Protein backbone atom coordinates (compact mmCIF):
# COMPACT_ATOMS: atom_id res chain seq x y z
CA MET A 1 0.02 0.18 0.13
CA ASN A 2 2.84 2.44 0.70
CA GLU A 3 4.85 1.41 -2.31
CA THR A 4 2.29 3.38 -5.09
CA PRO A 5 2.57 6.50 -3.26
CA SER A 6 6.20 6.69 -2.99
CA ARG A 7 6.93 5.64 -6.68
CA LEU A 8 4.71 8.15 -7.65
CA GLN A 9 6.90 10.87 -5.53
CA THR A 10 9.56 9.75 -7.01
CA ALA A 11 8.53 10.07 -10.35
CA ARG A 12 6.83 13.64 -10.00
CA LEU A 13 10.67 14.30 -8.32
CA GLN A 14 12.31 13.11 -11.45
CA THR A 15 10.03 14.93 -13.52
CA ALA A 16 10.85 18.26 -12.29
CA ASP A 17 14.78 17.49 -12.50
CA ASP A 18 14.50 17.28 -15.81
CA ARG A 19 12.60 20.33 -16.19
CA ARG A 20 14.65 22.16 -14.00
CA THR A 21 17.54 20.36 -16.21
CA GLN A 22 15.73 21.23 -19.60
CA THR A 23 15.43 24.64 -18.56
CA LEU A 24 19.09 25.20 -17.40
CA ARG A 25 20.14 24.06 -21.12
CA VAL A 26 17.90 26.59 -22.43
CA LEU A 27 19.36 29.29 -20.41
CA TRP A 28 22.98 28.36 -21.22
CA GLY A 29 22.03 28.43 -24.66
CA ILE A 30 20.77 31.64 -24.58
CA VAL A 31 23.65 32.65 -22.22
CA ALA A 32 26.20 31.15 -25.63
CA ILE A 33 24.19 33.22 -28.26
CA ILE A 34 24.49 36.62 -26.42
CA GLY A 35 28.13 35.44 -26.20
CA GLY A 36 28.39 35.11 -29.80
CA LEU A 37 26.39 37.89 -30.29
CA ALA A 38 28.54 40.41 -28.20
CA ILE A 39 31.56 39.21 -30.10
CA LEU A 40 30.45 40.75 -33.36
CA GLY A 41 29.83 43.83 -31.77
CA SER A 42 32.85 44.20 -29.69
CA LEU A 43 35.02 43.34 -32.85
CA LEU A 44 32.83 46.14 -35.02
CA ALA A 45 33.60 48.50 -32.51
CA LEU A 46 37.23 47.99 -31.87
CA LEU A 47 37.29 48.00 -36.08
CA LEU A 48 35.83 51.31 -35.93
CA THR A 49 38.52 52.91 -33.95
CA PHE A 50 41.10 52.45 -36.72
CA LEU A 51 38.51 53.20 -39.19
CA VAL A 52 36.73 56.18 -38.25
CA PRO A 53 39.51 59.11 -38.41
CA ALA A 54 38.03 60.99 -35.39
CA LEU A 55 38.70 58.04 -33.06
CA ARG A 56 42.32 57.02 -34.20
CA ALA A 57 44.11 60.11 -32.45
CA ASP A 58 41.69 60.64 -29.28
CA ALA A 59 40.99 59.33 -25.79
CA PHE A 60 37.50 58.47 -26.43
CA GLY A 61 39.05 55.92 -29.59
CA VAL A 62 41.02 54.36 -26.35
CA VAL A 63 38.22 54.04 -24.60
CA ILE A 64 36.08 52.46 -27.09
CA ALA A 65 39.14 50.30 -28.44
CA SER A 66 39.55 49.04 -24.38
CA SER A 67 36.06 48.46 -23.81
CA SER A 68 35.93 46.33 -27.16
CA ILE A 69 38.58 44.58 -25.83
CA VAL A 70 36.83 43.85 -22.49
CA GLY A 71 34.09 43.03 -24.23
CA LEU A 72 36.13 40.36 -26.54
CA LEU A 73 37.34 38.43 -23.35
CA LEU A 74 34.51 38.65 -21.50
CA SER A 75 32.00 37.42 -24.79
CA SER A 76 34.09 34.54 -25.41
CA GLY A 77 34.03 33.49 -21.63
CA LEU A 78 30.09 33.75 -22.10
CA VAL A 79 30.53 31.59 -25.16
CA TRP A 80 32.32 29.01 -23.23
CA ALA A 81 30.23 29.32 -20.40
CA GLY A 82 27.21 28.74 -22.37
CA VAL A 83 28.00 25.89 -24.36
CA SER A 84 29.69 24.23 -21.50
CA GLY A 85 26.69 24.41 -19.40
CA TRP A 86 24.41 23.34 -22.21
CA SER A 87 26.48 19.96 -22.65
CA GLY A 88 26.56 19.55 -19.03
CA VAL A 89 30.26 20.02 -18.32
CA VAL A 90 31.63 19.97 -14.77
CA SER A 91 33.25 23.98 -14.70
CA PRO A 92 36.68 24.60 -13.68
CA ARG A 93 37.03 25.97 -10.13
CA ILE A 94 39.03 29.62 -9.41
CA TYR A 95 41.59 29.20 -7.05
CA SER A 96 45.30 29.61 -6.87
CA HIS A 97 47.80 30.82 -5.02
CA TRP A 98 49.88 32.52 -6.65
CA ALA A 99 47.26 34.07 -9.70
CA TRP A 100 46.95 37.46 -7.75
CA LEU A 101 50.86 37.44 -8.02
CA ILE A 102 50.95 37.02 -11.20
CA PHE A 103 48.26 39.42 -12.25
CA LEU A 104 50.38 42.18 -9.97
CA LEU A 105 53.68 40.92 -12.15
CA LEU A 106 51.46 41.05 -15.48
CA ALA A 107 50.19 44.79 -14.53
CA GLY A 108 53.95 45.52 -13.62
CA VAL A 109 55.12 44.73 -17.12
CA LEU A 110 52.45 46.80 -18.68
CA ILE A 111 53.73 49.74 -16.47
CA ILE A 112 57.26 49.47 -18.08
CA VAL A 113 56.54 49.06 -21.07
CA ALA A 114 54.15 51.63 -21.28
CA VAL A 115 56.45 54.20 -19.88
CA TRP A 116 58.96 53.99 -22.80
CA ILE A 117 56.32 54.72 -25.03
CA PRO A 118 55.71 58.45 -26.13
CA ALA A 119 53.07 59.87 -24.52
CA GLU A 120 51.55 61.19 -27.78
CA HIS A 121 50.66 57.75 -28.59
CA GLN A 122 48.40 57.45 -25.69
CA LEU A 123 45.79 58.53 -27.93
CA SER A 124 46.10 55.82 -30.65
CA PRO A 125 43.75 52.72 -30.22
CA TRP A 126 47.04 50.46 -30.75
CA PHE A 127 47.30 51.97 -26.85
CA ALA A 128 43.91 50.65 -25.65
CA PRO A 129 45.61 46.77 -24.45
CA PHE A 130 47.99 48.58 -21.81
CA HIS A 131 45.24 50.61 -20.76
CA ALA A 132 42.84 47.82 -20.95
CA GLY A 133 45.24 45.77 -18.90
CA LEU A 134 46.35 48.15 -16.24
CA ILE A 135 42.49 48.22 -15.38
CA ILE A 136 42.10 44.59 -15.54
CA PHE A 137 45.07 42.93 -14.03
CA PRO A 138 44.78 44.96 -10.80
CA ALA A 139 41.18 43.81 -10.20
CA LEU A 140 41.44 39.89 -11.36
CA ALA A 141 44.31 39.93 -8.62
CA ILE A 142 41.87 41.28 -6.20
CA LEU A 143 39.32 38.84 -7.08
CA SER A 144 42.10 35.59 -6.96
CA LEU A 145 43.45 37.30 -3.63
CA VAL A 146 39.54 36.75 -1.96
CA VAL A 147 38.66 33.96 -3.35
CA LEU A 148 41.85 32.52 -2.00
CA MET A 149 40.73 33.70 1.32
CA THR A 150 37.95 31.38 1.48
CA GLY A 151 40.01 28.32 1.66
CA GLN A 152 37.09 26.72 -0.51
CA PRO A 153 38.45 25.90 -4.33
CA MET A 154 34.91 24.90 -5.26
CA ILE A 155 33.80 28.38 -3.90
CA LEU A 156 33.64 30.34 -7.88
CA THR A 157 33.90 28.39 -10.80
CA TRP A 158 34.69 30.10 -14.11
CA ARG A 159 30.83 29.98 -15.00
CA GLN A 160 29.68 31.62 -12.17
CA SER A 161 32.41 34.39 -12.28
CA PHE A 162 31.95 35.09 -16.21
CA LEU A 163 27.96 35.10 -15.72
CA ALA A 164 28.41 37.64 -12.08
CA ILE A 165 31.02 39.80 -14.04
CA THR A 166 28.79 40.16 -16.98
CA GLY A 167 26.02 41.55 -14.90
CA GLY A 168 28.51 43.93 -12.79
CA ILE A 169 29.10 44.77 -16.56
CA SER A 170 25.86 45.60 -17.06
CA THR A 171 24.57 47.13 -14.89
CA VAL A 172 26.41 50.43 -16.34
CA ILE A 173 24.06 50.15 -19.13
CA LEU A 174 20.90 50.27 -17.13
CA ALA A 175 22.62 52.72 -14.64
CA LEU A 176 23.69 55.16 -17.10
CA PRO A 177 20.52 57.09 -18.10
CA VAL A 178 19.12 56.77 -14.80
CA GLU A 179 21.50 58.31 -13.24
CA LEU A 180 21.37 61.14 -15.49
CA ILE A 181 18.16 61.29 -15.07
CA GLY A 182 18.91 61.62 -11.39
CA PHE A 183 21.40 64.51 -12.35
CA LEU A 184 18.95 66.37 -13.77
CA ILE A 185 16.74 66.06 -10.56
CA SER A 186 19.51 66.70 -8.08
CA GLY A 187 20.14 69.97 -10.80
CA VAL A 188 16.52 71.46 -10.56
CA VAL A 189 16.58 71.07 -6.65
CA VAL A 190 19.99 72.29 -5.83
CA ILE A 191 19.08 75.60 -8.07
CA VAL A 192 15.92 75.96 -6.69
CA LEU A 193 16.89 75.98 -3.14
CA ALA A 194 19.90 78.20 -3.76
CA PHE A 195 17.21 81.01 -4.92
CA PHE A 196 16.52 80.76 -1.06
CA PHE A 197 20.25 81.71 0.39
CA PRO A 198 21.82 85.21 0.19
CA GLY A 199 23.73 85.67 -3.42
CA GLY A 200 21.86 82.50 -4.45
CA GLU A 201 20.58 83.89 -7.88
CA ALA A 202 23.31 85.61 -8.22
CA GLU A 203 25.77 82.51 -8.09
CA VAL A 204 23.05 80.47 -10.89
CA ASN A 205 23.63 83.28 -13.09
CA ARG A 206 26.99 83.07 -13.02
CA ILE A 207 27.11 79.07 -13.78
CA THR A 208 24.51 79.79 -16.72
CA ALA A 209 26.61 82.27 -17.99
CA PHE A 210 29.62 79.92 -17.97
CA VAL A 211 27.58 77.17 -19.04
CA GLU A 212 25.87 79.10 -22.17
CA PRO A 213 28.82 79.74 -24.83
CA TYR A 214 28.99 75.79 -24.79
CA LEU A 215 25.61 75.42 -25.10
CA ASN A 216 25.54 77.35 -28.14
CA MET A 217 28.57 76.09 -29.84
CA PRO A 218 28.21 74.05 -33.17
CA MET A 219 29.61 69.85 -32.56
CA SER A 220 32.48 70.22 -34.25
CA THR A 221 34.33 72.66 -32.21
CA MET A 222 33.30 71.26 -28.69
CA GLU A 223 36.71 70.36 -28.07
CA ILE A 224 38.47 72.99 -25.69
CA SER A 225 41.88 73.90 -26.98
CA PRO A 226 43.30 76.66 -27.94
CA GLY A 227 42.02 76.66 -31.61
CA THR A 228 38.82 76.74 -30.71
CA GLN A 229 36.33 79.55 -30.07
CA ILE A 230 36.51 79.55 -26.55
CA PRO A 231 39.86 79.63 -24.72
CA LEU A 232 40.94 77.39 -21.70
CA ASP A 233 40.80 79.80 -18.27
CA MET A 234 41.89 76.56 -15.47
CA GLU A 235 41.11 79.47 -12.86
CA GLU A 236 37.88 80.22 -14.02
CA TYR A 237 37.12 76.63 -14.31
CA MET A 238 38.43 75.72 -11.03
CA SER A 239 36.07 78.48 -9.99
CA ILE A 240 32.96 77.15 -11.55
CA LEU A 241 33.41 73.46 -10.63
CA SER A 242 34.24 74.53 -6.69
CA SER A 243 30.75 76.78 -6.64
CA PRO A 244 28.54 75.82 -3.74
CA VAL A 245 25.62 74.90 -6.22
CA VAL A 246 27.81 72.45 -8.17
CA LEU A 247 29.21 70.91 -5.49
CA GLY A 248 25.88 70.70 -4.09
CA ILE A 249 24.69 68.77 -7.32
CA LEU A 250 27.55 66.62 -7.81
CA ALA A 251 27.08 65.91 -3.56
CA LEU A 252 23.70 65.14 -4.06
CA THR A 253 24.32 63.23 -7.56
CA LEU A 254 27.11 61.29 -6.60
CA GLY A 255 26.76 60.62 -2.64
CA VAL A 256 23.50 59.73 -2.93
CA VAL A 257 21.68 58.87 -6.34
CA THR A 258 24.42 56.80 -7.76
CA PRO A 259 25.24 54.70 -4.92
CA VAL A 260 21.47 54.07 -4.19
CA ILE A 261 21.24 52.96 -8.26
CA GLU A 262 24.44 51.14 -8.90
CA GLU A 263 24.27 49.26 -5.39
CA LEU A 264 20.75 47.83 -6.47
CA GLY A 265 21.29 47.16 -9.80
CA LYS A 266 25.59 45.27 -9.78
CA ALA A 267 23.91 42.63 -7.33
CA LEU A 268 20.76 41.67 -8.88
CA VAL A 269 22.85 39.00 -10.91
CA ILE A 270 23.28 37.38 -7.63
CA GLY A 271 19.49 37.40 -6.91
CA VAL A 272 19.09 35.58 -10.06
CA MET A 273 21.68 33.13 -9.64
CA GLY A 274 20.54 32.59 -6.36
CA TYR A 275 17.45 31.74 -7.63
CA TRP A 276 19.14 28.68 -9.03
CA SER A 277 21.35 27.57 -6.46
CA ARG A 278 21.10 28.95 -3.36
CA PRO A 279 24.15 30.24 -2.51
CA SER A 280 25.97 30.37 1.00
CA PRO A 281 26.29 33.41 2.83
CA LEU A 282 30.35 32.97 1.93
CA GLN A 283 29.58 32.50 -1.74
CA GLY A 284 26.94 35.18 -2.15
CA PHE A 285 29.65 37.90 -0.84
CA ILE A 286 32.16 36.07 -3.51
CA TRP A 287 29.94 36.30 -6.27
CA GLY A 288 29.15 39.84 -5.22
CA VAL A 289 32.90 40.59 -5.16
CA ALA A 290 32.88 39.73 -8.76
CA ALA A 291 30.35 41.22 -10.25
CA GLY A 292 31.20 44.58 -8.19
CA ILE A 293 34.65 43.48 -10.13
CA GLY A 294 33.17 43.42 -13.75
CA PHE A 295 31.48 46.52 -13.05
CA ALA A 296 34.45 48.88 -12.17
CA ILE A 297 36.57 46.87 -14.80
CA ILE A 298 34.02 48.73 -17.33
CA GLU A 299 34.19 52.15 -15.03
CA GLY A 300 37.77 52.28 -14.35
CA VAL A 301 38.07 52.01 -18.53
CA SER A 302 36.33 55.56 -19.13
CA ASN A 303 37.25 57.14 -16.37
CA GLY A 304 40.84 56.10 -16.14
CA ALA A 305 41.40 57.73 -19.61
CA MET A 306 41.54 61.21 -17.73
CA GLY A 307 44.92 61.50 -18.44
CA LEU A 308 45.86 59.85 -21.67
CA GLY A 309 48.33 62.19 -23.03
CA ASP A 310 50.23 62.56 -19.97
CA THR A 311 52.06 59.44 -18.83
CA LEU A 312 52.03 60.90 -15.22
CA GLY A 313 48.79 61.88 -15.20
CA TRP A 314 47.21 58.25 -17.24
CA LEU A 315 49.17 56.55 -14.46
CA SER A 316 47.62 58.22 -11.43
CA GLY A 317 44.69 57.77 -12.69
CA VAL A 318 44.44 54.01 -13.47
CA GLY A 319 46.32 53.99 -10.04
CA THR A 320 43.05 55.71 -8.32
CA ARG A 321 40.99 53.00 -10.10
CA GLY A 322 42.41 50.21 -8.23
CA MET A 323 41.25 51.88 -4.75
CA ALA A 324 37.92 52.01 -6.92
CA THR A 325 37.91 48.77 -7.68
CA ALA A 326 38.18 47.43 -4.13
CA MET A 327 35.48 49.68 -3.25
CA HIS A 328 33.36 48.66 -5.85
CA ALA A 329 33.88 45.32 -5.23
CA LEU A 330 33.46 44.96 -1.16
CA THR A 331 29.78 47.15 -1.85
CA THR A 332 28.59 44.83 -3.84
CA GLY A 333 30.02 41.88 -2.11
CA LEU A 334 28.08 42.77 0.85
CA VAL A 335 24.94 42.86 -1.05
CA GLY A 336 25.97 39.30 -2.41
CA LEU A 337 26.49 38.46 1.48
CA GLY A 338 23.15 39.55 2.35
CA TRP A 339 21.41 37.83 -0.87
CA GLY A 340 23.27 34.58 0.24
CA LEU A 341 21.23 35.17 3.93
CA PHE A 342 18.34 35.93 2.30
CA TYR A 343 18.46 32.62 0.36
CA HIS A 344 18.73 30.84 4.01
CA ARG A 345 15.37 32.04 5.62
CA LYS A 346 17.32 35.86 6.90
CA ARG A 347 15.03 38.57 4.83
CA TRP A 348 15.82 40.81 7.06
CA ALA A 349 19.99 40.84 5.64
CA LEU A 350 19.27 41.41 2.36
CA PRO A 351 18.19 45.32 3.20
CA LEU A 352 20.92 45.80 5.76
CA ALA A 353 23.43 45.01 3.36
CA TYR A 354 22.34 47.16 0.86
CA SER A 355 21.94 50.07 3.10
CA ALA A 356 25.61 49.56 4.29
CA ALA A 357 26.82 49.09 0.88
CA VAL A 358 25.33 52.28 0.03
CA ILE A 359 26.42 54.51 2.86
CA PHE A 360 29.96 53.58 2.24
CA HIS A 361 29.91 53.72 -1.57
CA GLY A 362 28.30 57.58 -0.95
CA LEU A 363 30.62 58.18 2.17
CA TRP A 364 33.18 57.36 -0.47
CA ASN A 365 32.18 59.42 -3.62
CA PHE A 366 31.19 62.36 -1.16
CA ASN A 367 34.11 62.73 0.82
CA ILE A 368 35.71 63.08 -3.11
CA ILE A 369 33.60 66.11 -3.06
CA ALA A 370 34.03 67.11 -0.16
CA THR A 371 37.53 67.41 -1.04
CA LEU A 372 37.46 69.07 -4.24
CA GLY A 373 35.38 72.04 -2.17
CA SER A 374 38.12 72.55 0.34
CA THR A 375 40.35 73.27 -2.43
CA SER A 376 38.47 76.22 -2.97
CA LEU A 377 37.98 77.16 -0.05
CA SER A 378 41.56 77.64 0.97
CA ILE A 379 41.93 80.57 -1.25
CA ASP A 380 39.40 81.90 1.09
CA ALA A 381 40.01 80.97 3.90
CA PRO A 382 43.05 79.49 4.43
CA SER A 383 43.24 77.73 7.86
CA ILE A 384 39.50 76.59 7.68
CA GLY A 385 40.31 75.21 3.90
CA THR A 386 43.53 73.76 5.31
CA PHE A 387 41.86 72.41 8.30
CA VAL A 388 38.51 70.60 6.02
CA THR A 389 41.27 69.21 3.39
CA PHE A 390 43.22 67.03 5.82
CA MET A 391 40.11 66.11 7.32
CA THR A 392 38.83 64.60 4.02
CA ILE A 393 41.88 63.55 2.68
CA GLY A 394 42.15 61.34 6.12
CA VAL A 395 38.48 60.17 6.00
CA GLN A 396 39.45 58.92 2.24
CA GLY A 397 42.52 57.46 3.63
CA VAL A 398 40.81 55.43 5.92
CA LEU A 399 38.17 54.46 3.80
CA VAL A 400 40.82 53.29 1.21
CA LEU A 401 42.66 51.13 4.09
CA LEU A 402 39.14 49.64 5.15
CA ALA A 403 37.93 48.58 1.64
CA PRO A 404 40.59 45.94 0.89
CA LEU A 405 41.11 45.14 4.36
CA SER A 406 37.10 44.35 4.67
CA LEU A 407 37.05 42.16 1.37
CA LEU A 408 40.30 39.96 2.99
CA GLY A 409 38.56 39.67 6.62
CA ILE A 410 35.21 38.99 5.73
CA PRO A 411 35.83 35.93 4.32
CA LEU A 412 38.31 34.84 6.75
CA LEU A 413 35.44 35.50 9.30
CA LEU A 414 32.51 33.78 7.28
CA ARG A 415 35.17 30.68 7.07
CA LYS A 416 35.36 30.73 11.02
CA ARG A 417 31.90 31.22 11.50
CA LYS A 418 30.91 28.06 9.40
CA ASN A 419 33.99 25.74 10.31
CA SER A 420 32.77 26.70 14.49
CA THR A 421 28.90 25.68 13.42
CA GLY A 422 29.73 23.23 10.94
């Protein structure tokens, strides 16, 4: 009498497993197709940087070429992940005692070679491998070292890493238009508030008068150089940049809007991946770190290009991107940790982890804006400005140290907790 229900239950479970396996195969097939299309798009973008004259000697061309290199590497990985997942092949692990050191050595080699390349050649698409490499290798070194701290060889596989990194990079596409809307709303709010303060209307008019000529310029003459219609006056630019109105807009946008949007989007892929595999808190953290690494790489390729054409300026730019990469890895790792706890019946942990990530990210950005504002304050009130400058630099130093220490410490704590409870 008891055999029939047992057999029916077993048959139902087997049917459910078969359906789940078939669904996963379809999803992996879609991943492979997306990867293939991304390869074609990346190749086309890379080709355009060499064919379009305006991109062959411009920092924007280097950014496109570098992004294309990132796209080619990642989309090739997606094709492999999709095909191997569809075939049911077990994914190799990401766990090495020396990978982080190898990545740092490769970055060092790129620096040595790049220093010998004339600065004017940095604006050529041929320089893109150096620019992309000095963003990618330190980021992968961070990821390798964090995984090593877990002490668990199967905590992150190559397939999982490709999915997580892709999810982090995709956030940039989703976040940019939303952040632009947030920037416009922040501008309206700050400008309206400025009219309620003494001298606020005059300050808004001063900024408007400065921006108006650029709005009326033809696109062909938008580049700021001695040959354009508007001369470069660095003192005037700094005066505008350090305006309370401009600083208020930047603080509201970068200190509030940007962290809220980016931290919401970067770890969404962890929620999707977790639906299928129910990660542990430690695994959720590692997946989040990988997603943050992906976001930081694509952001670093663009933001780190500001110094191109000046070797020292470029190296300084990519150097600071290494610190920002650690920050993004930590904040997304925290949200990933929240997802891991969420899938283990601790629902409250996800909003708490998200809030912690937003606060850390917002404080990081806000402190940078405050440092910029203290530069102007030092001119009008040297003693106060100097005090504020040292204070903001000190806070930033603490944040810069806290990011890598937390990246290494959290896996160790989670590992210790698991060992003590298991």
